[in-house]
N, C-alpha and C. Protein backbone atom coordinates (compact mmCIF):
# COMPACT_ATOMS: atom_id res chain seq x y z
N MET A 1 18.14 -14.99 25.92
CA MET A 1 18.39 -13.56 26.66
C MET A 1 18.22 -13.33 27.61
N LEU A 2 16.77 -12.82 27.56
CA LEU A 2 16.04 -12.00 28.63
C LEU A 2 15.63 -12.65 29.77
N ALA A 3 15.20 -14.10 29.78
CA ALA A 3 15.17 -15.42 30.76
C ALA A 3 16.70 -15.41 31.72
N GLU A 4 17.61 -14.96 31.29
CA GLU A 4 19.05 -14.96 31.54
C GLU A 4 19.39 -13.93 32.46
N GLY A 5 18.82 -12.76 32.07
CA GLY A 5 18.80 -11.40 32.68
C GLY A 5 19.45 -10.42 32.05
N PHE A 6 19.77 -10.99 31.07
CA PHE A 6 20.45 -9.73 30.00
C PHE A 6 19.60 -8.70 29.68
N VAL A 7 20.16 -7.64 29.14
CA VAL A 7 18.95 -6.45 28.55
C VAL A 7 19.47 -6.55 26.94
N ALA A 8 18.33 -6.43 26.34
CA ALA A 8 18.44 -6.60 24.76
C ALA A 8 18.11 -4.86 24.56
N ASP A 9 18.69 -4.91 23.03
CA ASP A 9 18.84 -3.43 22.67
C ASP A 9 18.62 -4.03 21.07
N GLY A 10 17.12 -3.80 20.77
CA GLY A 10 16.84 -4.39 19.51
C GLY A 10 17.11 -3.38 18.80
N LEU A 11 17.27 -3.84 17.43
CA LEU A 11 17.54 -3.10 16.11
C LEU A 11 17.08 -3.99 14.96
N ASP A 12 16.41 -3.41 14.22
CA ASP A 12 15.75 -4.25 12.78
C ASP A 12 15.70 -3.10 11.88
N ALA A 13 15.90 -3.56 10.58
CA ALA A 13 15.62 -2.54 9.53
C ALA A 13 14.46 -2.42 8.51
N SER A 14 13.88 -3.78 9.37
CA SER A 14 12.04 -3.76 8.94
C SER A 14 11.25 -3.51 9.61
N ALA A 15 10.42 -2.40 9.87
CA ALA A 15 9.38 -1.96 10.51
C ALA A 15 8.43 -3.23 10.80
N ALA A 16 7.69 -4.20 10.02
CA ALA A 16 7.10 -5.36 10.32
C ALA A 16 7.73 -6.16 11.35
N LEU A 17 9.09 -6.37 10.82
CA LEU A 17 9.98 -7.51 11.79
C LEU A 17 10.27 -6.48 13.27
N ALA A 18 10.47 -5.65 13.22
CA ALA A 18 10.31 -5.05 14.72
C ALA A 18 9.53 -4.76 15.68
N ALA A 19 8.04 -4.79 14.67
CA ALA A 19 6.91 -5.00 15.44
C ALA A 19 6.60 -6.25 15.71
N GLU A 20 6.81 -7.38 15.06
CA GLU A 20 6.75 -8.68 15.41
C GLU A 20 7.49 -9.15 16.31
N ALA A 21 8.96 -8.50 16.45
CA ALA A 21 9.51 -8.64 17.77
C ALA A 21 9.06 -8.33 18.71
N GLY A 22 8.44 -7.22 18.96
CA GLY A 22 7.31 -6.39 19.95
C GLY A 22 6.16 -7.09 20.60
N ARG A 23 5.90 -8.08 19.34
CA ARG A 23 4.54 -8.92 19.85
C ARG A 23 5.18 -10.15 20.48
N ARG A 24 6.16 -10.80 19.43
CA ARG A 24 6.54 -11.91 20.22
C ARG A 24 7.50 -12.15 21.63
N TYR A 25 8.20 -11.06 21.62
CA TYR A 25 8.98 -10.86 22.87
C TYR A 25 8.43 -9.69 23.84
N GLY A 26 7.90 -8.88 23.68
CA GLY A 26 8.05 -7.90 24.52
C GLY A 26 9.18 -6.64 24.14
N LEU A 27 9.75 -6.68 23.29
CA LEU A 27 10.91 -5.88 23.28
C LEU A 27 10.57 -4.62 22.63
N SER A 28 11.30 -3.46 23.09
CA SER A 28 11.26 -2.20 22.11
C SER A 28 12.27 -2.52 20.95
N VAL A 29 12.08 -2.80 19.77
CA VAL A 29 12.71 -2.94 18.83
C VAL A 29 12.81 -1.71 17.57
N ARG A 30 14.25 -1.26 17.92
CA ARG A 30 13.86 0.39 16.89
C ARG A 30 14.44 -0.15 15.29
N VAL A 31 13.60 0.68 14.41
CA VAL A 31 13.64 0.66 13.63
C VAL A 31 14.90 1.37 12.49
N ALA A 32 15.81 0.62 12.33
CA ALA A 32 17.34 1.12 11.72
C ALA A 32 18.08 0.46 11.22
N ASP A 33 18.90 0.49 10.91
CA ASP A 33 20.04 -0.49 10.24
C ASP A 33 21.71 -0.26 10.73
N PHE A 34 22.42 -1.29 10.58
CA PHE A 34 23.44 -1.06 11.02
C PHE A 34 24.52 0.18 10.86
N ARG A 35 24.07 0.81 9.72
CA ARG A 35 25.08 1.98 9.27
C ARG A 35 24.87 2.85 10.48
N THR A 36 23.90 2.75 10.85
CA THR A 36 23.46 4.23 12.01
C THR A 36 23.70 3.93 13.18
N LEU A 37 24.33 2.53 13.52
CA LEU A 37 25.17 2.46 15.01
C LEU A 37 26.02 3.30 15.38
N SER A 38 25.72 4.04 16.52
CA SER A 38 26.80 5.38 16.64
C SER A 38 27.33 4.76 18.04
N TYR A 39 27.14 3.78 18.74
CA TYR A 39 27.72 3.91 20.37
C TYR A 39 29.00 3.27 20.34
N ARG A 40 29.58 3.75 21.28
CA ARG A 40 30.72 3.74 21.33
C ARG A 40 30.96 2.64 22.52
N GLN A 41 31.43 1.67 23.02
CA GLN A 41 31.64 0.43 23.59
C GLN A 41 30.42 0.51 24.57
N ARG A 42 29.39 0.50 23.82
CA ARG A 42 28.27 -0.02 25.03
C ARG A 42 27.65 -1.25 25.21
N TYR A 43 27.78 -2.25 23.93
CA TYR A 43 27.89 -3.65 24.28
C TYR A 43 28.70 -4.69 24.73
N ASP A 44 28.46 -5.37 25.48
CA ASP A 44 29.44 -6.80 26.22
C ASP A 44 29.02 -7.94 24.67
N GLY A 45 28.09 -7.68 24.05
CA GLY A 45 27.99 -8.48 23.05
C GLY A 45 26.80 -8.21 22.10
N ILE A 46 27.42 -8.61 20.76
CA ILE A 46 26.03 -8.20 19.71
C ILE A 46 25.85 -9.62 18.93
N TRP A 47 24.90 -9.83 18.71
CA TRP A 47 24.15 -11.00 18.05
C TRP A 47 23.60 -10.55 16.65
N CYS A 48 24.26 -11.04 15.25
CA CYS A 48 23.48 -10.77 14.13
C CYS A 48 23.34 -11.98 13.57
N ALA A 49 22.11 -12.37 13.50
CA ALA A 49 21.48 -13.53 13.09
C ALA A 49 20.87 -13.29 11.85
N PHE A 50 21.40 -13.44 10.66
CA PHE A 50 21.06 -13.30 9.25
C PHE A 50 20.51 -12.24 9.16
N ALA A 51 21.17 -10.89 9.51
CA ALA A 51 20.56 -9.60 9.26
C ALA A 51 21.73 -9.07 8.01
N LEU A 52 22.79 -9.11 8.43
CA LEU A 52 23.91 -8.52 7.76
C LEU A 52 23.89 -9.08 6.14
N GLN A 53 23.17 -10.27 5.77
CA GLN A 53 23.30 -10.66 4.30
C GLN A 53 22.61 -9.60 3.96
N HIS A 54 21.72 -8.80 4.13
CA HIS A 54 20.74 -8.02 3.71
C HIS A 54 21.25 -6.78 2.92
N ALA A 55 22.60 -6.60 4.08
CA ALA A 55 23.42 -5.59 3.57
C ALA A 55 24.10 -5.31 2.37
N SER A 56 24.34 -4.11 1.53
CA SER A 56 25.26 -4.58 0.76
C SER A 56 26.41 -4.87 0.69
N ARG A 57 27.22 -4.97 -0.32
CA ARG A 57 28.49 -5.18 -0.14
C ARG A 57 29.72 -4.31 0.15
N GLU A 58 28.98 -3.20 -0.35
CA GLU A 58 29.73 -1.80 -0.10
C GLU A 58 29.41 -0.95 1.17
N ASP A 59 28.72 -1.31 1.87
CA ASP A 59 28.33 -0.94 3.01
C ASP A 59 29.23 -2.20 4.15
N ARG A 60 29.57 -3.34 3.91
CA ARG A 60 30.29 -3.95 4.77
C ARG A 60 31.17 -3.47 5.88
N PRO A 61 32.08 -2.95 5.24
CA PRO A 61 33.48 -2.40 5.81
C PRO A 61 33.09 -1.49 7.01
N GLN A 62 31.90 -0.57 6.88
CA GLN A 62 31.82 0.19 7.55
C GLN A 62 30.82 -0.08 8.73
N ILE A 63 30.06 -1.12 8.13
CA ILE A 63 28.99 -1.89 9.49
C ILE A 63 30.12 -2.61 10.27
N PHE A 64 31.08 -3.28 10.23
CA PHE A 64 31.82 -4.12 10.86
C PHE A 64 32.37 -3.04 11.93
N GLU A 65 32.99 -2.07 10.98
CA GLU A 65 33.82 -1.06 11.70
C GLU A 65 32.93 -0.50 13.00
N ARG A 66 31.66 -0.54 12.62
CA ARG A 66 30.89 0.08 13.61
C ARG A 66 30.23 -0.66 14.80
N ILE A 67 30.21 -2.25 14.45
CA ILE A 67 29.94 -3.15 15.20
C ILE A 67 31.22 -2.95 16.22
N HIS A 68 32.27 -3.18 15.65
CA HIS A 68 33.65 -3.16 16.70
C HIS A 68 33.66 -2.02 17.67
N THR A 69 33.48 -0.58 17.01
CA THR A 69 33.08 0.45 18.11
C THR A 69 32.35 0.29 19.13
N ALA A 70 30.71 -0.28 19.07
CA ALA A 70 29.97 -0.39 20.32
C ALA A 70 30.39 -1.34 20.78
N LEU A 71 31.12 -1.95 20.45
CA LEU A 71 31.48 -3.22 21.34
C LEU A 71 32.43 -2.97 22.32
N ARG A 72 32.39 -3.39 24.03
CA ARG A 72 33.23 -2.99 25.02
C ARG A 72 34.27 -3.69 24.53
N PRO A 73 35.80 -3.61 25.18
CA PRO A 73 36.84 -4.37 25.19
C PRO A 73 36.11 -5.71 25.56
N GLY A 74 36.76 -6.97 24.85
CA GLY A 74 35.99 -7.98 25.79
C GLY A 74 34.64 -8.42 25.08
N GLY A 75 34.07 -7.64 24.18
CA GLY A 75 32.58 -8.01 24.12
C GLY A 75 32.86 -8.76 22.67
N GLN A 76 31.74 -9.38 22.82
CA GLN A 76 31.30 -10.82 21.64
C GLN A 76 30.87 -10.42 20.84
N LEU A 77 30.96 -11.47 19.69
CA LEU A 77 29.99 -11.07 18.35
C LEU A 77 29.93 -12.36 18.10
N PHE A 78 28.72 -12.44 17.45
CA PHE A 78 28.23 -14.09 16.82
C PHE A 78 27.37 -13.19 15.55
N VAL A 79 28.04 -13.71 14.67
CA VAL A 79 27.48 -13.36 12.96
C VAL A 79 26.88 -14.93 12.35
N GLY A 80 26.01 -14.81 11.95
CA GLY A 80 25.09 -16.23 10.97
C GLY A 80 24.98 -15.11 9.96
N VAL A 81 25.47 -15.61 8.97
CA VAL A 81 24.82 -15.23 7.32
C VAL A 81 24.86 -16.55 6.48
N GLN A 82 24.35 -16.41 5.03
CA GLN A 82 24.02 -17.10 4.15
C GLN A 82 25.50 -17.00 3.66
N LYS A 83 26.08 -18.58 2.67
CA LYS A 83 27.23 -18.74 2.18
C LYS A 83 26.82 -18.63 0.90
N GLY A 84 27.49 -17.93 0.15
CA GLY A 84 27.36 -17.71 -1.29
C GLY A 84 28.28 -16.39 -2.04
N PRO A 85 28.34 -16.93 -3.47
CA PRO A 85 28.98 -15.71 -4.13
C PRO A 85 28.44 -14.66 -4.68
N MET A 86 27.36 -14.71 -4.93
CA MET A 86 26.67 -14.06 -5.69
C MET A 86 25.01 -13.69 -5.20
N ASP A 87 24.88 -12.18 -5.44
CA ASP A 87 23.81 -11.60 -4.82
C ASP A 87 22.38 -11.86 -5.54
N TRP A 88 21.11 -11.75 -4.82
CA TRP A 88 19.96 -11.87 -5.44
C TRP A 88 19.09 -11.30 -4.78
N ARG A 89 18.09 -11.00 -5.35
CA ARG A 89 16.77 -10.76 -4.50
C ARG A 89 15.59 -11.62 -4.97
N ASP A 90 14.73 -11.72 -3.55
CA ASP A 90 13.62 -12.54 -3.21
C ASP A 90 12.26 -12.18 -3.69
N GLU A 91 11.30 -12.64 -3.94
CA GLU A 91 10.13 -12.27 -4.84
C GLU A 91 9.65 -10.93 -4.27
N HIS A 92 9.93 -10.59 -2.91
CA HIS A 92 9.37 -9.26 -2.16
C HIS A 92 10.23 -8.33 -2.45
N GLY A 93 11.31 -8.46 -3.37
CA GLY A 93 12.41 -7.51 -3.33
C GLY A 93 13.60 -7.26 -2.07
N ARG A 94 13.93 -8.28 -1.24
CA ARG A 94 14.68 -8.09 -0.34
C ARG A 94 16.09 -8.57 -1.34
N LEU A 95 17.02 -7.70 -0.83
CA LEU A 95 18.30 -7.99 -0.99
C LEU A 95 19.23 -9.37 -0.42
N TYR A 96 19.58 -10.00 -0.95
CA TYR A 96 20.39 -11.29 -0.03
C TYR A 96 21.83 -11.29 -0.49
N ALA A 97 22.50 -10.64 0.17
CA ALA A 97 23.94 -10.65 -0.97
C ALA A 97 24.90 -11.69 0.07
N PRO A 98 25.17 -13.19 -0.06
CA PRO A 98 25.57 -13.86 0.68
C PRO A 98 27.11 -13.17 1.22
N PHE A 99 27.72 -13.93 2.02
CA PHE A 99 29.49 -14.14 2.25
C PHE A 99 30.07 -15.26 1.88
N MET A 100 31.21 -14.87 1.65
CA MET A 100 32.37 -16.22 1.41
C MET A 100 32.94 -15.94 2.81
N GLN A 101 33.56 -16.99 3.11
CA GLN A 101 34.34 -17.17 4.24
C GLN A 101 35.42 -15.98 4.54
N ASP A 102 36.35 -16.19 3.30
CA ASP A 102 37.44 -15.11 3.45
C ASP A 102 37.19 -13.87 3.12
N GLU A 103 35.74 -13.24 2.79
CA GLU A 103 35.64 -12.20 2.90
C GLU A 103 35.10 -11.34 4.03
N LEU A 104 34.49 -12.77 5.17
CA LEU A 104 34.40 -12.48 6.48
C LEU A 104 35.15 -12.61 7.53
N GLU A 105 36.43 -13.37 6.83
CA GLU A 105 37.51 -13.10 7.67
C GLU A 105 38.25 -11.63 7.78
N SER A 106 38.24 -10.94 6.42
CA SER A 106 38.88 -10.17 6.39
C SER A 106 37.97 -8.50 7.12
N LEU A 107 36.31 -9.00 7.10
CA LEU A 107 35.95 -8.02 7.81
C LEU A 107 36.13 -7.97 9.24
N LEU A 108 36.34 -9.23 9.84
CA LEU A 108 36.31 -9.38 11.42
C LEU A 108 38.38 -9.16 11.34
N ALA A 109 39.04 -8.68 10.96
CA ALA A 109 40.23 -8.42 10.93
C ALA A 109 40.69 -7.49 12.59
N GLY A 110 39.78 -6.68 12.96
CA GLY A 110 40.03 -5.98 13.99
C GLY A 110 39.48 -6.64 15.35
N PHE A 111 39.07 -8.50 15.37
CA PHE A 111 38.71 -9.03 16.37
C PHE A 111 39.83 -10.11 16.56
N GLU A 112 39.24 -10.77 17.69
CA GLU A 112 40.20 -11.70 18.02
C GLU A 112 39.78 -13.02 18.57
N ARG A 113 40.32 -13.97 18.52
CA ARG A 113 39.72 -15.61 19.18
C ARG A 113 38.35 -15.95 18.09
N ILE A 114 38.58 -15.49 16.70
CA ILE A 114 37.69 -15.92 15.58
C ILE A 114 37.41 -17.27 15.07
N VAL A 115 36.11 -17.85 15.35
CA VAL A 115 35.84 -19.18 15.09
C VAL A 115 34.78 -19.39 13.96
N PHE A 116 34.97 -19.88 13.57
CA PHE A 116 33.86 -20.35 12.03
C PHE A 116 33.58 -21.60 12.30
N ASP A 117 32.22 -21.59 11.74
CA ASP A 117 31.42 -22.88 11.62
C ASP A 117 30.92 -22.92 10.58
N THR A 118 30.12 -24.32 10.10
CA THR A 118 29.23 -24.26 8.78
C THR A 118 27.95 -24.85 9.10
N GLY A 119 27.05 -24.94 8.26
CA GLY A 119 26.18 -25.40 8.36
C GLY A 119 24.86 -25.28 7.19
N THR A 120 23.78 -25.87 7.52
CA THR A 120 22.79 -25.71 6.56
C THR A 120 21.22 -25.13 7.21
N GLY A 121 20.51 -24.58 6.16
CA GLY A 121 19.44 -23.91 6.56
C GLY A 121 18.22 -23.80 5.48
N LYS A 122 17.26 -23.14 5.78
CA LYS A 122 16.12 -22.89 4.65
C LYS A 122 15.96 -21.49 4.37
N ASN A 123 15.86 -21.22 3.44
CA ASN A 123 15.36 -19.79 2.85
C ASN A 123 13.67 -19.59 3.67
N TYR A 124 13.15 -18.29 3.48
CA TYR A 124 11.68 -18.46 3.64
C TYR A 124 10.71 -19.08 3.20
N ASP A 125 11.41 -19.38 1.69
CA ASP A 125 10.73 -20.21 0.64
C ASP A 125 10.67 -21.57 0.93
N GLY A 126 11.59 -22.10 1.68
CA GLY A 126 11.82 -23.55 1.89
C GLY A 126 13.25 -24.02 1.18
N THR A 127 13.64 -23.11 0.52
CA THR A 127 14.86 -23.76 -0.34
C THR A 127 15.87 -23.60 0.35
N PRO A 128 17.00 -25.02 -0.08
CA PRO A 128 18.14 -24.70 0.97
C PRO A 128 19.25 -23.85 0.77
N VAL A 129 19.84 -23.79 2.04
CA VAL A 129 21.15 -22.79 1.97
C VAL A 129 21.87 -23.27 2.76
N LEU A 130 23.18 -22.84 2.29
CA LEU A 130 24.45 -23.21 3.31
C LEU A 130 24.72 -21.51 4.03
N ASN A 131 25.07 -21.75 5.44
CA ASN A 131 25.28 -20.73 6.15
C ASN A 131 26.66 -20.70 6.73
N ILE A 132 27.06 -19.53 7.08
CA ILE A 132 28.56 -19.53 7.91
C ILE A 132 28.47 -18.94 9.08
N TYR A 133 28.78 -19.31 10.39
CA TYR A 133 28.84 -18.80 11.56
C TYR A 133 30.20 -18.58 11.85
N ALA A 134 30.25 -17.12 12.78
CA ALA A 134 31.50 -17.00 13.14
C ALA A 134 31.18 -16.21 14.56
N THR A 135 32.27 -16.67 15.09
CA THR A 135 32.05 -15.77 16.62
C THR A 135 33.60 -15.02 16.82
N ALA A 136 33.52 -13.69 17.38
CA ALA A 136 34.84 -13.32 17.55
C ALA A 136 34.47 -12.01 18.86
N VAL A 137 35.97 -11.65 19.08
CA VAL A 137 35.87 -11.09 20.38
C VAL A 137 36.77 -9.67 20.16
N ARG A 138 36.10 -8.70 20.69
CA ARG A 138 37.01 -7.43 20.43
C ARG A 138 37.69 -7.38 21.92
N PRO A 139 39.33 -6.90 20.95
CA PRO A 139 40.70 -7.06 22.21
C PRO A 139 40.25 -5.82 23.07
């Protein structure tokens, strides 16, 4: 994104991952989570790659509302999450709360031009996972 001239505003709930992004990409990444996103119509696009699956299910409606508010009209959203019905924690205590497509559809109700795709991937420990990808546009 940076090479294409985009300005990135990094946000990560993990201080260690925020520091790693700074080392790898020279970005200043704020340590915060999506529940604290308070901008109004600031972004042309928001990229959420496998971050939202670490938020509790109870927080998801508020998070998607904040993302919607932070996007400018016509702003694009990308969401990549693990697919699954059950929450679990890894050996480091990190919460994984996968999504089912119908839940993600409901959370994207305020968006338009919603497109879903699926794929496979691997967890940090190498175990295979199913993924859901969604793109959407704020009207």
